[in-house]
Amino acid sequence: MPQAIDDVDALFDHTYLRSFHLLTSQVLVEVIETKGKVEMTLPGGVKARKPVMWFKVIQGSIEPEIDEKGKAAGWKPLVLNATNAGEITKLYGRKPSQWPGKQIVLYQTQIRMYDKEAGGMVVRDCIRVRAPKVESKES
């Protein structure tokens, strides 16, 4: 059975990938599929439709999704925010139908953002994407 993540947010069920699910500092993944609008419930109970990406891990480690029998069954999909979708667009173009088979790196970082409930700026953990590093060949 996979090792439990020591993060208070991990005590709650999550349908989608969160930053604490990344078990290594960066994870190389291959895009499998991107769907335009999946309905989800946001904080405060607000319903919204967001783009979601499914992938497979090439290098690094992500907490696996666990099936009803307690076995690893793939990985949670990543909800694409505008920042991450923009980075993928810079790398592979504006057509998500052409992203499957392409590789990106997922990494954990922090952002400063306005939080209405807190009444000001807060720092939050998040997942960002970038291009995989290309090995330089020296002759």
Protein backbone atom coordinates (compact mmCIF):
# COMPACT_ATOMS: atom_id res chain seq x y z
CA MET A 1 0.00 0.00 0.00
CA PRO A 2 1.37 3.48 -0.88
CA GLN A 3 2.82 5.63 1.90
CA ALA A 4 0.40 8.23 3.27
CA ILE A 5 1.13 11.88 2.43
CA ASP A 6 1.77 13.98 5.54
CA ASP A 7 -0.31 17.03 4.60
CA VAL A 8 -3.56 18.12 6.24
CA ASP A 9 -5.24 18.52 2.81
CA ALA A 10 -4.47 14.86 2.10
CA LEU A 11 -6.89 13.89 4.89
CA PHE A 12 -9.75 14.84 2.58
CA ASP A 13 -10.84 13.21 -0.68
CA HIS A 14 -9.71 14.97 -3.83
CA THR A 15 -10.90 14.10 -7.32
CA TYR A 16 -8.17 16.08 -9.05
CA LEU A 17 -4.39 16.37 -8.69
CA ARG A 18 -3.17 18.77 -6.01
CA SER A 19 0.37 20.01 -5.35
CA PHE A 20 0.87 17.71 -2.35
CA HIS A 21 0.25 14.65 -4.58
CA LEU A 22 3.62 15.31 -6.28
CA LEU A 23 6.01 13.07 -4.35
CA THR A 24 9.15 14.36 -6.11
CA SER A 25 10.16 17.97 -6.80
CA GLN A 26 9.34 17.57 -10.48
CA VAL A 27 7.52 14.93 -12.48
CA LEU A 28 7.88 14.30 -16.22
CA VAL A 29 4.53 13.24 -17.69
CA GLU A 30 3.13 12.40 -21.12
CA VAL A 31 -0.26 13.88 -21.99
CA ILE A 32 -2.92 11.25 -22.71
CA GLU A 33 -6.04 13.36 -23.16
CA THR A 34 -7.42 16.84 -22.49
CA LYS A 35 -11.16 17.43 -22.12
CA GLY A 36 -12.61 20.87 -22.52
CA LYS A 37 -15.15 21.32 -19.78
CA VAL A 38 -15.61 19.04 -16.77
CA GLU A 39 -18.08 20.25 -14.13
CA MET A 40 -16.66 20.60 -10.64
CA THR A 41 -17.48 22.27 -7.34
CA LEU A 42 -15.14 25.08 -6.32
CA PRO A 43 -14.57 26.44 -2.80
CA GLY A 44 -17.75 27.99 -1.50
CA GLY A 45 -19.88 25.45 -3.38
CA VAL A 46 -19.75 27.33 -6.69
CA LYS A 47 -20.18 25.07 -9.75
CA ALA A 48 -17.86 25.65 -12.69
CA ARG A 49 -16.71 23.88 -15.85
CA LYS A 50 -12.93 23.59 -16.22
CA PRO A 51 -10.52 21.90 -18.67
CA VAL A 52 -8.93 18.71 -17.32
CA MET A 53 -5.83 16.76 -18.48
CA TRP A 54 -5.06 13.07 -18.03
CA PHE A 55 -1.47 11.88 -18.26
CA LYS A 56 0.95 9.07 -17.51
CA VAL A 57 4.10 9.46 -15.43
CA ILE A 58 7.39 9.03 -17.30
CA GLN A 59 9.84 10.04 -14.55
CA GLY A 60 9.34 11.11 -10.93
CA SER A 61 6.55 10.14 -8.58
CA ILE A 62 2.93 11.10 -7.95
CA GLU A 63 0.64 9.54 -5.36
CA PRO A 64 -1.44 7.02 -7.34
CA GLU A 65 -5.21 6.89 -7.43
CA ILE A 66 -6.36 3.91 -5.34
CA ASP A 67 -9.21 1.69 -6.57
CA GLU A 68 -11.88 0.03 -4.40
CA LYS A 69 -9.58 -2.99 -3.88
CA GLY A 70 -6.76 -0.80 -2.51
CA LYS A 71 -4.60 -1.12 -5.65
CA ALA A 72 -2.92 1.70 -7.56
CA ALA A 73 -5.06 2.64 -10.56
CA GLY A 74 -3.32 5.46 -12.43
CA TRP A 75 -3.17 9.12 -11.39
CA LYS A 76 -5.63 11.87 -10.67
CA PRO A 77 -6.20 14.25 -13.59
CA LEU A 78 -4.86 17.82 -13.52
CA VAL A 79 -7.30 20.74 -13.73
CA LEU A 80 -5.81 23.23 -16.19
CA ASN A 81 -5.81 26.82 -15.04
CA ALA A 82 -5.12 29.65 -17.49
CA THR A 83 -1.42 29.87 -16.52
CA ASN A 84 -0.69 26.17 -17.11
CA ALA A 85 -2.83 25.99 -20.26
CA GLY A 86 -0.92 29.02 -21.58
CA GLU A 87 2.45 27.35 -20.93
CA ILE A 88 1.36 24.18 -22.74
CA THR A 89 0.02 26.31 -25.61
CA LYS A 90 3.43 28.02 -25.96
CA LEU A 91 5.07 24.59 -26.17
CA TYR A 92 2.66 22.62 -28.34
CA GLY A 93 0.15 24.98 -29.95
CA ARG A 94 -3.43 26.08 -29.43
CA LYS A 95 -5.04 22.73 -30.36
CA PRO A 96 -5.40 20.45 -27.31
CA SER A 97 -6.20 17.63 -29.73
CA GLN A 98 -2.49 17.75 -30.68
CA TRP A 99 -1.19 17.55 -27.09
CA PRO A 100 -1.53 13.77 -26.53
CA GLY A 101 1.89 12.13 -26.64
CA LYS A 102 3.67 15.39 -25.74
CA GLN A 103 5.71 15.66 -22.55
CA ILE A 104 5.58 18.34 -19.86
CA VAL A 105 7.06 18.66 -16.38
CA LEU A 106 4.78 19.20 -13.39
CA TYR A 107 6.36 20.91 -10.39
CA GLN A 108 5.23 22.28 -7.05
CA THR A 109 5.66 25.95 -6.24
CA GLN A 110 3.89 28.73 -4.37
CA ILE A 111 1.95 31.74 -5.58
CA ARG A 112 0.70 34.93 -3.97
CA MET A 113 -2.97 35.51 -4.59
CA TYR A 114 -5.91 37.49 -3.23
CA ASP A 115 -8.15 35.44 -0.92
CA LYS A 116 -11.60 36.95 -0.44
CA GLU A 117 -12.23 34.99 2.77
CA ALA A 118 -8.88 36.06 4.27
CA GLY A 119 -9.46 39.61 3.08
CA GLY A 120 -6.01 39.99 1.55
CA MET A 121 -3.04 38.40 -0.13
CA VAL A 122 -2.08 34.83 0.83
CA VAL A 123 0.56 32.32 -0.28
CA ARG A 124 -0.77 29.04 -1.68
CA ASP A 125 0.89 25.86 -2.96
CA CYS A 126 0.19 25.09 -6.59
CA ILE A 127 1.25 22.96 -9.56
CA ARG A 128 2.90 24.60 -12.54
CA VAL A 129 4.05 23.15 -15.85
CA ARG A 130 7.15 23.74 -17.94
CA ALA A 131 8.98 22.22 -20.88
CA PRO A 132 11.12 19.15 -20.23
CA LYS A 133 14.85 19.90 -20.12
CA VAL A 134 16.57 18.89 -23.31
CA GLU A 135 19.87 17.07 -22.89
CA SER A 136 22.61 18.93 -24.73
CA LYS A 137 24.85 16.78 -26.87
CA GLU A 138 28.49 17.75 -26.77
CA SER A 139 30.72 16.50 -29.55
